Protein backbone atom coordinates (compact mmCIF):
# COMPACT_ATOMS: atom_id res chain seq x y z
CA MET A 1 -34.37 -40.41 -22.81
CA THR A 2 -30.69 -40.66 -21.80
CA VAL A 3 -28.19 -41.81 -24.38
CA THR A 4 -25.77 -44.39 -22.99
CA GLY A 5 -22.14 -44.86 -23.87
CA GLN A 6 -22.91 -48.14 -25.57
CA GLU A 7 -25.38 -46.49 -27.93
CA ILE A 8 -22.71 -43.94 -28.89
CA THR A 9 -20.21 -46.75 -29.54
CA ASP A 10 -22.71 -48.68 -31.71
CA TYR A 11 -23.55 -45.57 -33.70
CA VAL A 12 -19.84 -44.88 -34.40
CA GLU A 13 -19.27 -48.49 -35.50
CA ARG A 14 -22.17 -48.41 -37.96
CA VAL A 15 -20.85 -45.15 -39.42
CA ARG A 16 -17.41 -46.70 -39.90
CA VAL A 17 -18.96 -49.75 -41.59
CA ALA A 18 -20.79 -47.46 -44.00
CA LEU A 19 -17.45 -45.79 -44.84
CA ALA A 20 -15.56 -49.07 -45.25
CA ASP A 21 -14.92 -48.44 -48.96
CA LEU A 22 -12.79 -45.34 -48.14
CA PRO A 23 -9.06 -45.56 -47.37
CA ALA A 24 -8.38 -46.32 -43.71
CA GLN A 25 -6.54 -43.02 -43.10
CA GLU A 26 -9.36 -40.97 -44.60
CA ARG A 27 -11.97 -42.97 -42.70
CA ASP A 28 -10.10 -42.39 -39.43
CA GLU A 29 -9.88 -38.64 -40.08
CA LEU A 30 -13.63 -38.44 -40.72
CA THR A 31 -14.57 -40.35 -37.56
CA GLU A 32 -11.77 -39.08 -35.28
CA ASP A 33 -13.93 -36.69 -33.25
CA LEU A 34 -17.23 -38.46 -33.80
CA PRO A 35 -17.60 -39.99 -30.27
CA GLU A 36 -17.11 -36.61 -28.57
CA HIS A 37 -19.53 -34.96 -30.99
CA LEU A 38 -22.16 -37.57 -30.29
CA ALA A 39 -21.66 -37.15 -26.52
CA GLU A 40 -22.20 -33.40 -26.90
CA VAL A 41 -25.38 -33.96 -28.90
CA ALA A 42 -26.64 -36.40 -26.26
CA VAL A 43 -26.07 -33.91 -23.43
CA GLU A 44 -27.65 -30.92 -25.17
CA SER A 45 -31.12 -32.41 -25.72
CA ASP A 46 -33.30 -35.40 -25.08
CA GLY A 47 -34.03 -38.12 -27.60
CA SER A 48 -31.97 -40.77 -29.30
CA LEU A 49 -29.10 -40.13 -31.66
CA VAL A 50 -31.17 -41.39 -34.57
CA ASP A 51 -33.86 -38.82 -33.77
CA ARG A 52 -31.29 -36.04 -33.72
CA LEU A 53 -28.83 -37.01 -36.47
CA GLY A 54 -30.61 -39.66 -38.50
CA THR A 55 -29.43 -43.20 -39.15
CA PRO A 56 -25.71 -44.00 -39.06
CA GLU A 57 -25.78 -44.72 -42.80
CA ALA A 58 -27.28 -41.29 -43.55
CA TYR A 59 -24.73 -39.64 -41.28
CA ALA A 60 -21.95 -41.56 -43.06
CA ALA A 61 -23.27 -40.28 -46.39
CA GLU A 62 -23.00 -36.72 -45.10
CA LEU A 63 -19.42 -37.36 -44.02
CA ARG A 64 -18.68 -38.90 -47.43
CA ALA A 65 -20.11 -35.81 -49.15
CA ALA A 66 -18.05 -33.54 -46.89
CA ALA A 67 -14.91 -35.41 -47.92
CA GLY A 68 -15.76 -35.29 -51.64
CA ALA A 69 -12.91 -34.17 -53.87
CA GLY A 70 -15.04 -31.91 -56.11
CA ASP A 71 -16.79 -30.05 -53.26
CA PRO A 72 -15.06 -26.68 -52.39
CA ALA A 73 -16.85 -26.49 -49.05
CA ALA A 74 -15.82 -29.98 -47.97
CA GLY A 75 -12.67 -28.84 -46.18
CA ARG A 76 -14.55 -26.10 -44.31
CA ARG A 77 -17.17 -28.54 -43.09
CA VAL A 78 -14.50 -30.95 -41.87
CA LEU A 79 -12.82 -28.11 -39.96
CA GLU A 80 -16.13 -27.10 -38.43
CA ARG A 81 -16.76 -30.64 -37.29
CA ARG A 82 -13.33 -30.83 -35.71
CA ILE A 83 -13.89 -27.55 -33.89
CA ALA A 84 -17.26 -28.84 -32.71
CA GLY A 85 -15.56 -31.99 -31.47
CA VAL A 86 -12.98 -30.01 -29.48
CA LEU A 87 -15.72 -27.88 -27.94
CA GLY A 88 -17.68 -31.01 -27.12
CA ARG A 89 -14.75 -32.58 -25.29
CA THR A 90 -14.12 -29.36 -23.39
CA ARG A 91 -17.74 -29.10 -22.31
CA ALA A 92 -17.74 -32.73 -21.20
CA ARG A 93 -14.70 -32.14 -18.99
CA VAL A 94 -16.17 -28.98 -17.53
CA GLY A 95 -19.40 -30.87 -16.84
CA ARG A 96 -17.55 -33.55 -14.90
CA VAL A 97 -15.72 -30.95 -12.80
CA ASP A 98 -19.00 -29.10 -12.25
CA ALA A 99 -20.67 -32.27 -10.96
CA ARG A 100 -17.78 -32.99 -8.58
CA LEU A 101 -17.75 -29.50 -7.07
CA GLY A 102 -21.52 -29.28 -6.66
CA PRO A 103 -21.78 -31.19 -3.33
CA LEU A 104 -19.23 -28.83 -1.77
CA PHE A 105 -21.77 -25.99 -2.17
CA GLY A 106 -24.80 -28.07 -1.21
CA HIS A 107 -26.10 -28.45 -4.78
CA THR A 108 -26.02 -31.05 -7.49
CA THR A 109 -23.62 -28.99 -9.56
CA ALA A 110 -21.54 -25.91 -8.89
CA GLY A 111 -23.36 -24.17 -11.74
CA GLU A 112 -26.60 -24.23 -9.74
CA PHE A 113 -24.88 -22.43 -6.86
CA LEU A 114 -23.27 -19.87 -9.19
CA ARG A 115 -26.63 -19.11 -10.79
CA LEU A 116 -27.88 -18.07 -7.35
CA LEU A 117 -25.07 -15.48 -7.22
CA ARG A 118 -26.03 -13.79 -10.47
CA PRO A 119 -27.81 -10.81 -8.80
CA ALA A 120 -24.74 -10.15 -6.64
CA TRP A 121 -22.54 -10.21 -9.75
CA TRP A 122 -24.86 -7.74 -11.49
CA VAL A 123 -24.42 -5.26 -8.63
CA ALA A 124 -20.65 -5.84 -8.51
CA ARG A 125 -20.44 -5.38 -12.27
CA GLY A 126 -22.10 -1.97 -12.00
CA TYR A 127 -19.73 -0.94 -9.20
CA LEU A 128 -16.66 -2.05 -11.16
CA ALA A 129 -17.88 -0.15 -14.22
CA ALA A 130 -18.23 3.02 -12.10
CA MET A 131 -14.73 2.56 -10.68
CA LEU A 132 -13.33 2.02 -14.18
CA VAL A 133 -14.86 5.32 -15.29
CA THR A 134 -13.35 6.96 -12.20
CA ALA A 135 -9.91 5.58 -13.04
CA LEU A 136 -10.15 6.90 -16.59
CA SER A 137 -11.35 10.38 -15.56
CA THR A 138 -9.20 10.95 -12.43
CA ASP A 139 -5.43 11.26 -12.19
CA GLY A 140 -5.22 10.63 -8.44
CA PRO A 141 -5.37 7.33 -6.56
CA LEU A 142 -8.62 5.37 -6.44
CA GLY A 143 -10.78 5.34 -3.34
CA LEU A 144 -13.65 3.12 -2.31
CA LEU A 145 -16.33 5.33 -3.85
CA PRO A 146 -16.48 6.38 -7.51
CA ARG A 147 -15.98 9.98 -8.59
CA LEU A 148 -16.55 11.81 -11.82
CA ASP A 149 -14.29 14.80 -12.50
CA GLY A 150 -13.50 14.93 -8.78
CA SER A 151 -17.16 15.17 -7.68
CA GLY A 152 -18.30 12.53 -5.19
CA PHE A 153 -22.00 13.35 -5.59
CA VAL A 154 -21.90 12.94 -9.36
CA GLY A 155 -19.93 9.73 -8.83
CA LEU A 156 -22.68 8.32 -6.60
CA LEU A 157 -25.31 9.17 -9.21
CA MET A 158 -23.22 7.42 -11.83
CA LEU A 159 -22.87 4.37 -9.53
CA VAL A 160 -26.62 4.09 -9.03
CA GLY A 161 -27.26 4.39 -12.78
CA LEU A 162 -24.66 1.78 -13.72
CA VAL A 163 -25.90 -0.68 -11.08
CA PHE A 164 -29.49 -0.45 -12.33
CA GLY A 165 -28.25 -0.76 -15.91
CA SER A 166 -26.22 -3.85 -15.03
CA ILE A 167 -29.24 -5.48 -13.38
CA TRP A 168 -31.38 -4.70 -16.42
CA LEU A 169 -28.76 -6.18 -18.74
CA GLY A 170 -28.30 -9.25 -16.57
CA ARG A 171 -32.00 -10.13 -16.71
CA ARG A 172 -31.94 -9.96 -20.50
CA THR A 173 -28.59 -11.62 -21.22
CA PRO A 174 -30.04 -15.16 -21.67
CA GLY A 175 -32.15 -13.85 -24.56
CA LEU A 176 -29.21 -12.34 -26.40
CA ARG A 177 -27.70 -14.12 -29.38
CA SER A 178 -24.56 -14.01 -31.48
CA TRP A 179 -22.16 -11.11 -31.01
CA ARG A 180 -24.32 -9.30 -28.39
CA ARG A 181 -23.90 -12.08 -25.87
CA TRP A 182 -20.19 -12.37 -26.61
CA SER A 183 -19.77 -8.62 -26.09
CA VAL A 184 -21.39 -8.92 -22.65
CA HIS A 185 -18.97 -11.70 -21.71
CA ALA A 186 -16.00 -9.72 -23.04
CA THR A 187 -17.03 -6.67 -20.97
CA ALA A 188 -17.28 -8.83 -17.87
CA ALA A 189 -13.77 -10.19 -18.50
CA VAL A 190 -12.39 -6.64 -18.81
CA LEU A 191 -14.02 -5.61 -15.52
CA VAL A 192 -12.63 -8.66 -13.73
CA LEU A 193 -9.10 -7.87 -14.97
CA PHE A 194 -9.54 -4.27 -13.84
CA ALA A 195 -10.62 -5.44 -10.38
CA ILE A 196 -7.58 -7.70 -10.07
CA GLY A 197 -5.25 -4.87 -11.11
CA ALA A 198 -6.86 -2.45 -8.63
CA VAL A 199 -6.47 -4.92 -5.76
CA VAL A 200 -2.81 -5.50 -6.63
CA ASN A 201 -2.21 -1.73 -6.82
CA VAL A 202 -3.82 -1.08 -3.42
CA ASP A 203 -1.86 -3.95 -1.87
CA GLY A 204 1.39 -2.50 -3.24
CA HIS A 205 0.64 0.92 -1.74
CA VAL A 206 -0.19 -0.58 1.66
CA ARG A 207 2.99 -2.64 1.73
CA SER A 208 5.17 0.32 0.73
CA ASP A 209 3.65 2.48 3.47
CA TYR A 210 4.41 -0.03 6.23
CA ASP A 211 7.81 -1.34 5.15
CA TYR A 212 9.68 1.25 7.24
CA GLY A 213 6.93 2.38 9.60
CA TYR A 214 6.47 5.77 7.94
CA GLU A 215 5.36 7.19 4.65
CA SER A 216 7.97 8.81 2.49
CA THR A 217 8.50 12.49 3.19
CA SER A 218 6.88 14.92 0.82
CA VAL A 219 8.58 17.82 -0.95
CA GLN A 220 7.18 20.33 1.57
CA ASN A 221 8.39 18.35 4.60
CA PRO A 222 10.63 20.64 6.73
CA TYR A 223 12.74 17.65 7.84
CA ASP A 224 13.77 16.31 4.45
CA GLN A 225 16.92 18.51 4.54
CA VAL A 226 18.01 17.34 8.01
CA GLN A 227 21.48 15.72 8.00
CA ASP A 228 22.11 15.26 11.72
CA VAL A 229 20.36 15.66 15.10
CA TYR A 230 21.95 17.18 18.21
CA VAL A 231 20.30 16.68 21.60
CA TYR A 232 21.17 18.98 24.55
CA ASP A 233 20.19 18.61 28.20
CA SER A 234 18.91 21.37 30.47
CA GLU A 235 22.50 22.43 31.30
CA GLY A 236 23.42 22.90 27.67
CA ARG A 237 25.53 19.74 27.47
CA LEU A 238 25.52 17.69 24.26
CA VAL A 239 23.95 14.23 24.70
CA GLN A 240 25.95 11.50 23.00
CA ASN A 241 24.50 8.33 21.42
CA ALA A 242 20.89 9.52 21.73
CA ARG A 243 17.94 7.58 20.30
CA LEU A 244 14.61 9.05 19.11
CA PHE A 245 11.28 7.19 19.29
CA ASP A 246 7.68 8.13 18.63
CA GLN A 247 4.65 7.48 20.87
CA ASN A 248 4.38 3.92 19.51
CA GLY A 249 8.00 3.01 20.17
CA THR A 250 8.96 3.18 16.50
CA PRO A 251 12.48 4.52 15.90
CA ILE A 252 12.65 7.90 14.17
CA ARG A 253 15.46 8.14 11.63
CA LEU A 254 16.50 11.54 10.30
CA GLY A 255 19.54 12.57 8.32
CA TRP A 256 22.59 10.62 7.26
CA PRO A 257 26.26 10.71 8.38
CA ALA A 258 28.03 13.55 6.56
CA CYS A 259 31.43 12.99 8.18
CA ASP A 260 34.01 10.25 7.82
CA ASP A 261 35.47 9.64 11.27
CA PRO A 262 37.64 6.49 11.68
CA ALA A 263 36.83 6.53 15.38
CA LEU A 264 33.15 5.87 14.71
CA PRO A 265 32.05 2.24 15.07
CA ASP A 266 31.92 0.22 11.86
CA VAL A 267 28.15 -0.42 11.88
CA ASN A 268 25.23 0.47 9.73
CA PRO A 269 24.75 4.26 9.92
CA VAL A 270 21.04 3.86 10.68
CA GLN A 271 21.98 1.87 13.81
CA ARG A 272 24.08 4.68 15.29
CA GLY A 273 22.80 7.08 17.86
CA TYR A 274 22.61 10.84 17.45
CA PRO A 275 24.63 12.85 16.71
CA TYR A 276 26.42 11.24 13.79
CA CYS A 277 29.12 13.92 13.81
CA PRO A 278 29.58 15.37 17.36
CA GLU A 279 32.43 17.62 16.25
CA GLN A 280 29.99 19.53 14.03
CA ALA A 281 27.66 20.47 16.91
CA PRO A 282 26.21 23.98 16.40
CA PHE A 283 26.53 24.95 20.11
CA ARG A 284 29.46 24.55 22.49
CA PRO A 285 28.91 23.58 26.15
CA ARG A 286 28.83 26.59 28.46
CA PRO A 287 31.10 26.76 31.60
CA PRO A 288 29.57 25.47 34.82
CA ALA A 289 28.04 28.06 37.14
CA VAL A 290 29.95 28.99 40.42
CA ALA A 291 28.02 29.67 43.63
CA PRO A 292 28.83 33.07 45.26
CA LEU A 293 31.00 33.08 48.43
CA PRO A 294 29.45 34.33 51.68
CA PRO A 295 30.75 37.69 53.00
CA GLY A 296 33.93 37.51 55.10
CA SER A 297 34.85 33.97 54.01
CA ALA A 298 38.30 33.35 52.60
CA ALA A 299 38.71 31.93 49.16
CA THR A 300 39.82 28.34 49.04
CA PRO A 301 43.14 27.85 47.28
CA GLY A 302 42.60 26.50 43.83
CA ALA A 303 38.91 27.45 43.84
CA PRO A 304 37.63 29.78 41.14
CA THR A 305 37.47 33.42 42.20
CA ARG A 306 34.45 35.57 41.68
CA THR A 307 34.96 39.03 40.30
CA PRO A 308 33.24 41.62 42.53
CA PRO A 309 30.79 43.95 40.88
CA PRO A 310 32.03 47.46 40.07
CA ALA A 311 31.64 50.03 42.82
CA THR A 312 29.04 52.73 42.47
CA ALA A 313 29.33 56.39 43.33
CA SER A 314 27.21 55.89 46.42
CA ASP A 315 29.60 53.30 47.82
CA ALA A 316 32.08 55.14 50.08
CA PRO A 317 35.35 53.22 50.37
CA ALA A 318 36.65 52.65 53.84
CA PRO A 319 40.06 54.21 54.61
CA PRO A 320 42.80 51.61 54.72
CA ALA A 321 44.24 50.76 58.08
CA THR A 322 47.85 51.79 58.71
CA PRO A 323 50.34 49.06 59.43
CA SER A 324 51.67 50.82 62.51
CA GLY A 325 48.26 50.82 64.14
CA THR A 326 48.27 54.60 64.58
CA ALA A 327 44.97 56.40 64.46
CA THR A 328 43.92 58.34 61.48
CA PRO A 329 44.11 62.09 61.96
CA PRO A 330 40.84 63.35 63.24
CA VAL A 331 38.46 64.97 60.84
CA PRO A 332 36.11 67.60 62.06
CA SER A 333 32.67 66.09 62.32
CA GLY A 334 31.00 69.14 60.98
CA SER A 335 32.90 69.06 57.70
CA VAL A 336 31.95 65.48 56.73
CA PRO A 337 28.35 65.08 55.62
CA PRO A 338 26.63 61.85 56.47
CA VAL A 339 26.68 59.27 53.70
CA PRO A 340 23.16 57.98 52.91
CA PRO A 341 22.77 54.23 52.46
CA SER A 342 22.81 53.00 48.87
CA VAL A 343 19.88 50.93 47.56
CA SER A 344 21.58 49.60 44.46
CA GLY A 345 24.84 48.44 46.01
CA PRO A 346 25.99 46.64 49.15
CA ALA A 347 26.07 48.44 52.49
CA SER A 348 29.21 50.63 52.84
CA THR A 349 31.57 50.56 55.81
CA PRO A 350 30.95 53.61 58.12
CA LEU A 351 33.72 56.17 58.36
CA PRO A 352 35.45 56.48 61.71
CA THR A 353 34.81 59.74 63.48
CA VAL A 354 36.56 61.46 66.39
CA THR A 355 34.40 61.61 69.45
CA GLY A 356 34.97 64.09 72.08
């Protein structure tokens, strides 16, 4: 039997009539939360209000006794009734929201849909409990799988045990009473808060890793002491305003300007090209190479001269020609030994001999 709103209104009016001899303020305090309390009683079980609470006159007598001046427990009972009224109003509002959300999930109420998800929550609760144990026993960052003292195998065994324990507890939770049931709900709230904190922590790490395209350099990184970068071409010339990129096209930034040159452009240092300080280059450009002149060609005025290599002992110098054009005194051919050709040096000029 469903209790209508009119029946609740009639019941409240009869209770107020039975309390008509009390002051109006006291009567209003006693019946302030009565409609909500009656609505809660009507929702919790079947039957009329008279079957559940008795006649309005008997209920009014109970309220009168609760408000008696000589009863020490009267104030406590009034407080309990007010708390029950607040809980009743809260449950009524939740029930209305539950009924409105139900069709969105294909059910009469959203509670029916959530009850179908209880087994999934039992498994998730066991996983969150294993991850909480991992967080308490490990100093490093959390992964996707639980660990116990750094052991992944022991962590998996713990995960299986906690999941089965959560399922066992979930099947028996409706039969729990008093503080046991409240402890289960409190544990679930702690696990949910832990899950939210873990998600926020992971999201913060991911965002910090991708803010600048690279992770922060570690202490052992050999490039954390780099202040500037100098790029040289194949001829040993310093390349000015160079840019460095990785295989993905992401700029590589190393070092920081250690010089204060007014001639440098007034821009953000990280937007400059390398090197930051060209005057501090570790290597100086080498002089350009000069091609050797062919034999017998005259040197071009103004062109760089090439120093001939030192003469060796096997190279016989040719006698200089006299300006007057006179012949060199003859040398007996038998007294001059033939000069063998030198392998290490250029071919020598043959000595003139006197024929005859």
